[in-house]
Amino acid sequence: MVTKTNNISKIVNCLKNRNYKTTLTELRNSEDSSHKQITFRCCNYEEKICSTTFYGLDTSRDKFFSLIRKWQTLIEINSDIKTKDGYFLRIFLVAFSRKRKNQAKKTSYIKSSHIRSIRRKMEEVLIRETTSCTMKDLIPKLISEKLVDEIGFFGSKIYPLQNVIIKKVKMLEKPE
């Protein structure tokens, strides 16, 4: 025999830990950030109200592949970050090389030693900026271009960079 309360509790249990994807344009009504997709996870369900938390950020495939071109170097890093309030995230960054001023050569390839130093510098800036703040402060930094601009600024001191983007953010653990 199945009662109505059993069915409702099964439905509520199905709603928990469900992911919802949306674009930043739908949240902010601005067309400039339509390539950023945010994932929310349902953490609590009470009386027809579903509470969600940030679960991830992703750059759309179209935007990412529009940045890839011939005759340049692609630099990728991923870094595991723990925020001040205990969230454990994995952040993926991508940067592209660009020609120097007055460069006549067609290609803008970076030496492997410069790539290693740029990766080291990118990770250093990323860790410094993200570990010193809480999750509530980190989400606006990830969505806005401030963090990316700073990483691009320090990386460009070694070799000129363009289109530094946060490709993906995954939440690995959240505090209990």
N, C-alpha and C. Protein backbone atom coordinates (compact mmCIF):
# COMPACT_ATOMS: atom_id res chain seq x y z
N MET A 1 0.83 -1.18 0.00
CA MET A 1 0.00 0.00 0.00
C MET A 1 0.89 1.25 0.00
N VAL A 2 0.62 2.17 -0.90
CA VAL A 2 1.40 3.39 -1.03
C VAL A 2 0.52 4.55 -0.59
N THR A 3 1.06 5.36 0.28
CA THR A 3 0.31 6.53 0.74
C THR A 3 0.85 7.77 0.05
N LYS A 4 0.10 8.82 0.16
CA LYS A 4 0.49 10.07 -0.50
C LYS A 4 1.77 10.64 0.10
N THR A 5 1.97 10.51 1.39
CA THR A 5 3.18 11.05 2.02
C THR A 5 4.42 10.32 1.54
N ASN A 6 4.34 9.04 1.28
CA ASN A 6 5.49 8.31 0.75
C ASN A 6 5.86 8.82 -0.64
N ASN A 7 4.86 9.08 -1.48
CA ASN A 7 5.12 9.58 -2.82
C ASN A 7 5.77 10.95 -2.79
N ILE A 8 5.29 11.81 -1.91
CA ILE A 8 5.85 13.16 -1.80
C ILE A 8 7.29 13.10 -1.32
N SER A 9 7.57 12.24 -0.35
CA SER A 9 8.94 12.15 0.14
C SER A 9 9.88 11.59 -0.93
N LYS A 10 9.39 10.70 -1.78
CA LYS A 10 10.21 10.20 -2.88
C LYS A 10 10.50 11.29 -3.89
N ILE A 11 9.51 12.11 -4.16
CA ILE A 11 9.69 13.21 -5.11
C ILE A 11 10.69 14.23 -4.56
N VAL A 12 10.59 14.54 -3.28
CA VAL A 12 11.51 15.49 -2.66
C VAL A 12 12.93 14.94 -2.70
N ASN A 13 13.09 13.65 -2.43
CA ASN A 13 14.41 13.05 -2.49
C ASN A 13 14.98 13.06 -3.91
N CYS A 14 14.12 12.96 -4.91
CA CYS A 14 14.58 13.04 -6.30
C CYS A 14 15.03 14.45 -6.67
N LEU A 15 14.41 15.46 -6.05
CA LEU A 15 14.79 16.85 -6.35
C LEU A 15 16.12 17.23 -5.73
N LYS A 16 16.47 16.65 -4.60
CA LYS A 16 17.74 16.98 -3.96
C LYS A 16 18.89 16.48 -4.82
N ASN A 17 19.96 17.23 -4.82
CA ASN A 17 21.18 16.95 -5.59
C ASN A 17 20.95 16.94 -7.10
N ARG A 18 19.91 17.61 -7.55
CA ARG A 18 19.68 17.76 -8.99
C ARG A 18 20.36 19.05 -9.45
N ASN A 19 21.00 19.01 -10.64
CA ASN A 19 21.70 20.16 -11.17
C ASN A 19 20.82 20.93 -12.14
N TYR A 20 20.94 22.26 -12.08
CA TYR A 20 20.21 23.14 -12.98
C TYR A 20 21.22 24.04 -13.68
N LYS A 21 21.20 24.05 -15.02
CA LYS A 21 22.13 24.88 -15.79
C LYS A 21 21.39 26.08 -16.36
N THR A 22 22.07 27.22 -16.31
CA THR A 22 21.53 28.44 -16.88
C THR A 22 22.69 29.30 -17.36
N THR A 23 22.39 30.21 -18.27
CA THR A 23 23.44 31.11 -18.73
C THR A 23 23.42 32.37 -17.88
N LEU A 24 24.51 33.08 -17.91
CA LEU A 24 24.62 34.31 -17.13
C LEU A 24 23.71 35.40 -17.71
N THR A 25 23.41 35.31 -18.99
CA THR A 25 22.51 36.27 -19.62
C THR A 25 21.11 36.19 -19.02
N GLU A 26 20.65 34.98 -18.74
CA GLU A 26 19.32 34.80 -18.16
C GLU A 26 19.25 35.35 -16.74
N LEU A 27 20.37 35.36 -16.04
CA LEU A 27 20.37 35.87 -14.67
C LEU A 27 20.55 37.39 -14.61
N ARG A 28 21.36 37.93 -15.53
CA ARG A 28 21.72 39.34 -15.45
C ARG A 28 21.11 40.23 -16.53
N ASN A 29 20.51 39.66 -17.54
CA ASN A 29 19.95 40.41 -18.68
C ASN A 29 21.00 41.24 -19.40
N SER A 30 22.20 40.67 -19.55
CA SER A 30 23.26 41.35 -20.31
C SER A 30 23.78 40.38 -21.37
N GLU A 31 23.85 40.84 -22.60
CA GLU A 31 24.23 39.98 -23.71
C GLU A 31 25.72 39.67 -23.75
N ASP A 32 26.55 40.46 -23.10
CA ASP A 32 28.00 40.27 -23.21
C ASP A 32 28.48 39.00 -22.52
N SER A 33 27.72 38.42 -21.66
CA SER A 33 28.17 37.23 -20.92
C SER A 33 27.32 36.00 -21.25
N SER A 34 26.86 35.90 -22.48
CA SER A 34 26.00 34.78 -22.85
C SER A 34 26.77 33.47 -22.98
N HIS A 35 28.09 33.53 -23.04
CA HIS A 35 28.89 32.32 -23.20
C HIS A 35 29.19 31.62 -21.87
N LYS A 36 28.85 32.24 -20.76
CA LYS A 36 29.11 31.64 -19.45
C LYS A 36 27.87 30.90 -18.96
N GLN A 37 28.05 29.61 -18.67
CA GLN A 37 26.95 28.78 -18.17
C GLN A 37 27.22 28.46 -16.70
N ILE A 38 26.24 28.71 -15.87
CA ILE A 38 26.38 28.47 -14.43
C ILE A 38 25.51 27.28 -14.06
N THR A 39 26.07 26.40 -13.23
CA THR A 39 25.34 25.23 -12.75
C THR A 39 25.03 25.43 -11.28
N PHE A 40 23.78 25.23 -10.93
CA PHE A 40 23.33 25.28 -9.54
C PHE A 40 22.90 23.89 -9.12
N ARG A 41 23.07 23.57 -7.84
CA ARG A 41 22.64 22.29 -7.31
C ARG A 41 21.60 22.53 -6.22
N CYS A 42 20.51 21.76 -6.30
CA CYS A 42 19.46 21.86 -5.29
C CYS A 42 19.97 21.24 -3.99
N CYS A 43 19.96 22.01 -2.94
CA CYS A 43 20.48 21.50 -1.67
C CYS A 43 19.38 21.29 -0.63
N ASN A 44 18.25 21.98 -0.79
CA ASN A 44 17.18 21.87 0.20
C ASN A 44 15.85 22.15 -0.50
N TYR A 45 14.83 21.45 -0.06
CA TYR A 45 13.50 21.64 -0.63
C TYR A 45 12.50 21.72 0.52
N GLU A 46 11.86 22.89 0.65
CA GLU A 46 10.87 23.07 1.70
C GLU A 46 9.64 23.77 1.13
N GLU A 47 8.51 23.14 1.24
CA GLU A 47 7.22 23.72 0.87
C GLU A 47 7.26 24.42 -0.49
N LYS A 48 7.57 23.69 -1.52
CA LYS A 48 7.59 24.18 -2.91
C LYS A 48 8.65 25.25 -3.17
N ILE A 49 9.62 25.36 -2.27
CA ILE A 49 10.72 26.30 -2.48
C ILE A 49 12.01 25.49 -2.53
N CYS A 50 12.70 25.60 -3.63
CA CYS A 50 13.92 24.83 -3.86
C CYS A 50 15.13 25.75 -3.65
N SER A 51 15.96 25.46 -2.66
CA SER A 51 17.17 26.25 -2.41
C SER A 51 18.32 25.66 -3.19
N THR A 52 19.04 26.51 -3.90
CA THR A 52 20.16 26.03 -4.71
C THR A 52 21.45 26.70 -4.27
N THR A 53 22.56 26.06 -4.59
CA THR A 53 23.89 26.63 -4.34
C THR A 53 24.70 26.55 -5.63
N PHE A 54 25.74 27.36 -5.70
CA PHE A 54 26.63 27.35 -6.84
C PHE A 54 27.32 26.00 -6.93
N TYR A 55 27.36 25.43 -8.13
CA TYR A 55 27.99 24.12 -8.31
C TYR A 55 29.07 24.12 -9.39
N GLY A 56 29.01 25.08 -10.32
CA GLY A 56 30.05 25.13 -11.34
C GLY A 56 29.82 26.24 -12.34
N LEU A 57 30.86 26.50 -13.11
CA LEU A 57 30.81 27.51 -14.16
C LEU A 57 31.50 26.92 -15.38
N ASP A 58 30.97 27.21 -16.55
CA ASP A 58 31.53 26.62 -17.76
C ASP A 58 31.44 27.65 -18.88
N THR A 59 32.44 27.64 -19.75
CA THR A 59 32.42 28.48 -20.94
C THR A 59 31.85 27.65 -22.08
N SER A 60 30.99 28.24 -22.87
CA SER A 60 30.35 27.48 -23.94
C SER A 60 31.37 27.02 -24.97
N ARG A 61 31.04 25.94 -25.61
CA ARG A 61 31.92 25.34 -26.62
C ARG A 61 32.14 26.29 -27.79
N ASP A 62 31.09 26.99 -28.20
CA ASP A 62 31.20 27.93 -29.32
C ASP A 62 32.20 29.05 -29.01
N LYS A 63 32.12 29.60 -27.83
CA LYS A 63 33.02 30.69 -27.45
C LYS A 63 34.46 30.19 -27.39
N PHE A 64 34.67 29.03 -26.78
CA PHE A 64 36.03 28.51 -26.63
C PHE A 64 36.66 28.23 -28.00
N PHE A 65 35.92 27.59 -28.89
CA PHE A 65 36.49 27.26 -30.19
C PHE A 65 36.60 28.48 -31.11
N SER A 66 35.89 29.55 -30.83
CA SER A 66 36.06 30.76 -31.61
C SER A 66 37.38 31.46 -31.28
N LEU A 67 37.95 31.16 -30.11
CA LEU A 67 39.21 31.76 -29.71
C LEU A 67 40.43 31.03 -30.26
N ILE A 68 40.27 29.77 -30.60
CA ILE A 68 41.40 28.96 -31.08
C ILE A 68 41.69 29.33 -32.53
N ARG A 69 42.97 29.68 -32.77
CA ARG A 69 43.40 30.02 -34.12
C ARG A 69 44.73 29.36 -34.40
N LYS A 70 45.10 29.38 -35.67
CA LYS A 70 46.41 28.87 -36.05
C LYS A 70 47.49 29.89 -35.71
N TRP A 71 48.72 29.43 -35.67
CA TRP A 71 49.92 30.25 -35.50
C TRP A 71 50.01 30.91 -34.13
N GLN A 72 49.41 30.33 -33.12
CA GLN A 72 49.56 30.83 -31.76
C GLN A 72 49.64 29.67 -30.79
N THR A 73 50.11 29.94 -29.58
CA THR A 73 50.25 28.91 -28.55
C THR A 73 49.08 28.98 -27.59
N LEU A 74 48.58 27.81 -27.21
CA LEU A 74 47.51 27.70 -26.23
C LEU A 74 48.12 27.20 -24.92
N ILE A 75 47.86 27.90 -23.84
CA ILE A 75 48.38 27.53 -22.52
C ILE A 75 47.19 27.19 -21.63
N GLU A 76 47.19 25.98 -21.08
CA GLU A 76 46.11 25.54 -20.20
C GLU A 76 46.68 25.17 -18.84
N ILE A 77 45.97 25.53 -17.79
CA ILE A 77 46.31 25.06 -16.44
C ILE A 77 45.02 24.68 -15.72
N ASN A 78 45.17 23.81 -14.75
CA ASN A 78 44.07 23.56 -13.81
C ASN A 78 44.66 23.55 -12.42
N SER A 79 43.90 24.07 -11.49
CA SER A 79 44.40 24.23 -10.14
C SER A 79 43.30 23.90 -9.14
N ASP A 80 43.67 23.18 -8.09
CA ASP A 80 42.74 22.85 -7.02
C ASP A 80 42.85 23.92 -5.94
N ILE A 81 41.73 24.51 -5.61
CA ILE A 81 41.68 25.66 -4.71
C ILE A 81 40.78 25.33 -3.52
N LYS A 82 41.20 25.75 -2.33
CA LYS A 82 40.34 25.65 -1.16
C LYS A 82 40.06 27.06 -0.66
N THR A 83 38.78 27.43 -0.60
CA THR A 83 38.42 28.78 -0.17
C THR A 83 38.51 28.88 1.35
N LYS A 84 38.34 30.10 1.82
CA LYS A 84 38.44 30.36 3.25
C LYS A 84 37.38 29.62 4.06
N ASP A 85 36.18 29.47 3.47
CA ASP A 85 35.09 28.81 4.19
C ASP A 85 34.99 27.32 3.90
N GLY A 86 36.00 26.72 3.27
CA GLY A 86 36.07 25.27 3.18
C GLY A 86 35.61 24.63 1.87
N TYR A 87 35.23 25.41 0.88
CA TYR A 87 34.85 24.85 -0.41
C TYR A 87 36.12 24.46 -1.18
N PHE A 88 36.06 23.32 -1.84
CA PHE A 88 37.20 22.81 -2.60
C PHE A 88 36.82 22.83 -4.08
N LEU A 89 37.52 23.64 -4.89
CA LEU A 89 37.19 23.86 -6.29
C LEU A 89 38.36 23.47 -7.19
N ARG A 90 38.04 23.09 -8.41
CA ARG A 90 39.05 22.90 -9.45
C ARG A 90 38.75 23.91 -10.54
N ILE A 91 39.72 24.79 -10.82
CA ILE A 91 39.54 25.87 -11.77
C ILE A 91 40.45 25.62 -12.97
N PHE A 92 39.88 25.70 -14.18
CA PHE A 92 40.61 25.50 -15.42
C PHE A 92 40.76 26.85 -16.11
N LEU A 93 41.99 27.23 -16.45
CA LEU A 93 42.27 28.49 -17.14
C LEU A 93 42.90 28.22 -18.49
N VAL A 94 42.63 29.10 -19.44
CA VAL A 94 43.21 29.00 -20.78
C VAL A 94 43.69 30.39 -21.19
N ALA A 95 44.87 30.44 -21.80
CA ALA A 95 45.41 31.69 -22.33
C ALA A 95 46.01 31.42 -23.71
N PHE A 96 46.02 32.45 -24.54
CA PHE A 96 46.56 32.33 -25.89
C PHE A 96 47.65 33.38 -26.09
N SER A 97 48.66 33.02 -26.87
CA SER A 97 49.72 33.98 -27.16
C SER A 97 49.26 34.96 -28.21
N ARG A 98 49.91 36.12 -28.23
CA ARG A 98 49.61 37.10 -29.27
C ARG A 98 50.91 37.69 -29.76
N LYS A 99 50.87 38.30 -30.93
CA LYS A 99 52.08 38.88 -31.51
C LYS A 99 52.55 40.08 -30.69
N ARG A 100 53.86 40.27 -30.69
CA ARG A 100 54.42 41.46 -30.04
C ARG A 100 54.19 42.67 -30.94
N LYS A 101 54.39 43.85 -30.39
CA LYS A 101 54.26 45.06 -31.20
C LYS A 101 55.33 45.05 -32.28
N ASN A 102 54.96 45.48 -33.45
CA ASN A 102 55.86 45.57 -34.61
C ASN A 102 56.46 44.22 -35.00
N GLN A 103 55.77 43.14 -34.73
CA GLN A 103 56.27 41.82 -35.11
C GLN A 103 55.92 41.54 -36.56
N ALA A 104 56.92 41.13 -37.33
CA ALA A 104 56.70 40.84 -38.75
C ALA A 104 56.42 39.36 -38.97
N LYS A 105 56.90 38.52 -38.06
CA LYS A 105 56.73 37.08 -38.20
C LYS A 105 55.25 36.71 -38.09
N LYS A 106 54.86 35.71 -38.86
CA LYS A 106 53.46 35.28 -38.91
C LYS A 106 53.04 34.58 -37.62
N THR A 107 53.94 33.79 -37.04
CA THR A 107 53.59 32.98 -35.88
C THR A 107 53.93 33.69 -34.57
N SER A 108 53.26 33.29 -33.52
CA SER A 108 53.57 33.80 -32.18
C SER A 108 53.63 32.63 -31.21
N TYR A 109 54.55 31.72 -31.48
CA TYR A 109 54.73 30.56 -30.61
C TYR A 109 55.61 30.93 -29.43
N ILE A 110 55.33 30.31 -28.29
CA ILE A 110 56.07 30.59 -27.06
C ILE A 110 57.01 29.43 -26.78
N LYS A 111 58.22 29.75 -26.29
CA LYS A 111 59.17 28.71 -25.89
C LYS A 111 58.59 27.92 -24.72
N SER A 112 59.00 26.66 -24.61
CA SER A 112 58.46 25.81 -23.54
C SER A 112 58.89 26.32 -22.16
N SER A 113 60.07 26.94 -22.05
CA SER A 113 60.49 27.49 -20.76
C SER A 113 59.61 28.68 -20.37
N HIS A 114 59.22 29.49 -21.35
CA HIS A 114 58.30 30.60 -21.07
C HIS A 114 56.91 30.09 -20.70
N ILE A 115 56.48 29.01 -21.36
CA ILE A 115 55.17 28.43 -21.04
C ILE A 115 55.14 27.96 -19.59
N ARG A 116 56.22 27.31 -19.15
CA ARG A 116 56.28 26.84 -17.75
C ARG A 116 56.23 28.01 -16.78
N SER A 117 56.97 29.07 -17.08
CA SER A 117 56.97 30.22 -16.17
C SER A 117 55.63 30.96 -16.19
N ILE A 118 54.97 31.01 -17.35
CA ILE A 118 53.64 31.64 -17.42
C ILE A 118 52.63 30.81 -16.63
N ARG A 119 52.70 29.48 -16.76
CA ARG A 119 51.80 28.62 -15.98
C ARG A 119 52.02 28.82 -14.49
N ARG A 120 53.27 28.87 -14.09
CA ARG A 120 53.60 29.06 -12.67
C ARG A 120 53.04 30.39 -12.17
N LYS A 121 53.20 31.45 -12.96
CA LYS A 121 52.71 32.77 -12.57
C LYS A 121 51.18 32.81 -12.53
N MET A 122 50.53 32.16 -13.53
CA MET A 122 49.07 32.12 -13.56
C MET A 122 48.53 31.40 -12.33
N GLU A 123 49.15 30.27 -11.98
CA GLU A 123 48.69 29.52 -10.82
C GLU A 123 48.95 30.28 -9.52
N GLU A 124 50.06 30.98 -9.45
CA GLU A 124 50.38 31.76 -8.26
C GLU A 124 49.35 32.86 -8.04
N VAL A 125 49.00 33.59 -9.08
CA VAL A 125 48.00 34.66 -8.97
C VAL A 125 46.63 34.07 -8.63
N LEU A 126 46.27 32.97 -9.28
CA LEU A 126 44.98 32.32 -9.03
C LEU A 126 44.85 31.87 -7.58
N ILE A 127 45.88 31.24 -7.06
CA ILE A 127 45.84 30.77 -5.66
C ILE A 127 45.78 31.96 -4.70
N ARG A 128 46.57 32.99 -4.98
CA ARG A 128 46.59 34.16 -4.09
C ARG A 128 45.22 34.83 -4.04
N GLU A 129 44.57 34.96 -5.18
CA GLU A 129 43.29 35.67 -5.24
C GLU A 129 42.12 34.84 -4.71
N THR A 130 42.16 33.52 -4.86
CA THR A 130 40.99 32.72 -4.50
C THR A 130 41.04 32.15 -3.09
N THR A 131 42.19 31.86 -2.57
CA THR A 131 42.25 31.26 -1.23
C THR A 131 42.00 32.28 -0.14
N SER A 132 42.12 33.56 -0.44
CA SER A 132 41.96 34.59 0.58
C SER A 132 40.51 35.07 0.72
N CYS A 133 39.56 34.47 -0.01
CA CYS A 133 38.18 34.93 0.08
C CYS A 133 37.22 33.75 0.27
N THR A 134 36.01 34.10 0.68
CA THR A 134 34.98 33.08 0.87
C THR A 134 34.30 32.79 -0.47
N MET A 135 33.47 31.79 -0.49
CA MET A 135 32.77 31.41 -1.72
C MET A 135 31.86 32.54 -2.20
N LYS A 136 31.25 33.24 -1.26
CA LYS A 136 30.35 34.34 -1.61
C LYS A 136 31.11 35.47 -2.31
N ASP A 137 32.36 35.70 -1.93
CA ASP A 137 33.17 36.72 -2.57
C ASP A 137 33.82 36.22 -3.86
N LEU A 138 34.02 34.91 -3.95
CA LEU A 138 34.72 34.34 -5.10
C LEU A 138 33.85 34.29 -6.35
N ILE A 139 32.57 34.02 -6.21
CA ILE A 139 31.69 33.89 -7.38
C ILE A 139 31.65 35.17 -8.22
N PRO A 140 31.49 36.36 -7.63
CA PRO A 140 31.57 37.57 -8.47
C PRO A 140 32.93 37.76 -9.14
N LYS A 141 34.01 37.33 -8.49
CA LYS A 141 35.33 37.42 -9.11
C LYS A 141 35.43 36.50 -10.33
N LEU A 142 34.85 35.30 -10.22
CA LEU A 142 34.89 34.36 -11.33
C LEU A 142 34.02 34.82 -12.50
N ILE A 143 32.89 35.43 -12.19
CA ILE A 143 31.97 35.87 -13.23
C ILE A 143 32.49 37.13 -13.91
N SER A 144 32.99 38.07 -13.13
CA SER A 144 33.52 39.29 -13.74
C SER A 144 34.90 39.00 -14.34
N GLU A 145 35.44 39.95 -15.03
CA GLU A 145 36.71 39.77 -15.71
C GLU A 145 37.90 40.25 -14.88
N LYS A 146 37.71 40.62 -13.62
CA LYS A 146 38.80 41.16 -12.80
C LYS A 146 39.91 40.15 -12.58
N LEU A 147 39.55 38.94 -12.20
CA LEU A 147 40.54 37.90 -11.92
C LEU A 147 41.30 37.53 -13.20
N VAL A 148 40.59 37.42 -14.30
CA VAL A 148 41.20 37.06 -15.57
C VAL A 148 42.13 38.17 -16.06
N ASP A 149 41.73 39.42 -15.88
CA ASP A 149 42.57 40.54 -16.29
C ASP A 149 43.87 40.58 -15.50
N GLU A 150 43.79 40.31 -14.21
CA GLU A 150 45.00 40.31 -13.39
C GLU A 150 45.94 39.17 -13.78
N ILE A 151 45.38 37.99 -14.04
CA ILE A 151 46.20 36.85 -14.47
C ILE A 151 46.85 37.16 -15.82
N GLY A 152 46.09 37.76 -16.73
CA GLY A 152 46.63 38.13 -18.03
C GLY A 152 47.70 39.20 -17.93
N PHE A 153 47.55 40.14 -16.99
CA PHE A 153 48.54 41.19 -16.80
C PHE A 153 49.88 40.62 -16.36
N PHE A 154 49.86 39.74 -15.35
CA PHE A 154 51.11 39.17 -14.85
C PHE A 154 51.73 38.18 -15.85
N GLY A 155 50.89 37.46 -16.59
CA GLY A 155 51.41 36.55 -17.60
C GLY A 155 52.01 37.28 -18.78
N SER A 156 51.48 38.45 -19.11
CA SER A 156 51.97 39.23 -20.25
C SER A 156 53.33 39.84 -19.99
N LYS A 157 53.77 39.87 -18.76
CA LYS A 157 55.13 40.37 -18.48
C LYS A 157 56.18 39.41 -19.01
N ILE A 158 55.83 38.13 -19.14
CA ILE A 158 56.76 37.13 -19.65
C ILE A 158 56.65 37.07 -21.18
N TYR A 159 55.43 36.96 -21.70
CA TYR A 159 55.17 36.94 -23.14
C TYR A 159 53.76 37.49 -23.35
N PRO A 160 53.54 38.27 -24.42
CA PRO A 160 52.20 38.85 -24.62
C PRO A 160 51.11 37.79 -24.72
N LEU A 161 50.05 37.97 -23.94
CA LEU A 161 48.92 37.04 -23.93
C LEU A 161 47.64 37.76 -24.34
N GLN A 162 46.72 36.98 -24.88
CA GLN A 162 45.39 37.50 -25.20
C GLN A 162 44.36 36.44 -24.83
N ASN A 163 43.14 36.85 -24.66
CA ASN A 163 42.01 35.94 -24.41
C ASN A 163 42.28 34.97 -23.26
N VAL A 164 42.65 35.48 -22.12
CA VAL A 164 42.76 34.64 -20.93
C VAL A 164 41.34 34.46 -20.40
N ILE A 165 40.90 33.20 -20.30
CA ILE A 165 39.53 32.94 -19.85
C ILE A 165 39.52 31.83 -18.82
N ILE A 166 38.48 31.85 -18.00
CA ILE A 166 38.22 30.74 -17.10
C ILE A 166 37.35 29.77 -17.89
N LYS A 167 37.91 28.62 -18.23
CA LYS A 167 37.20 27.66 -19.06
C LYS A 167 36.13 26.92 -18.26
N LYS A 168 36.50 26.50 -17.05
CA LYS A 168 35.56 25.71 -16.25
C LYS A 168 35.89 25.83 -14.77
N VAL A 169 34.87 25.76 -13.94
CA VAL A 169 35.02 25.68 -12.48
C VAL A 169 34.17 24.52 -12.01
N LYS A 170 34.80 23.58 -11.31
CA LYS A 170 34.08 22.43 -10.76
C LYS A 170 34.15 22.49 -9.24
N MET A 171 33.04 22.19 -8.59
CA MET A 171 33.06 22.08 -7.14
C MET A 171 33.32 20.63 -6.78
N LEU A 172 34.43 20.39 -6.09
CA LEU A 172 34.79 19.03 -5.71
C LEU A 172 34.21 18.65 -4.35
N GLU A 173 34.30 19.58 -3.40
CA GLU A 173 33.77 19.32 -2.05
C GLU A 173 33.19 20.59 -1.49
N LYS A 174 32.17 20.44 -0.68
CA LYS A 174 31.67 21.59 0.06
C LYS A 174 31.65 21.23 1.54
N PRO A 175 31.79 22.22 2.40
CA PRO A 175 31.82 21.91 3.84
C PRO A 175 30.46 21.43 4.33
N GLU A 176 30.51 20.61 5.31
CA GLU A 176 29.26 20.04 5.87
C GLU A 176 28.59 20.98 6.82
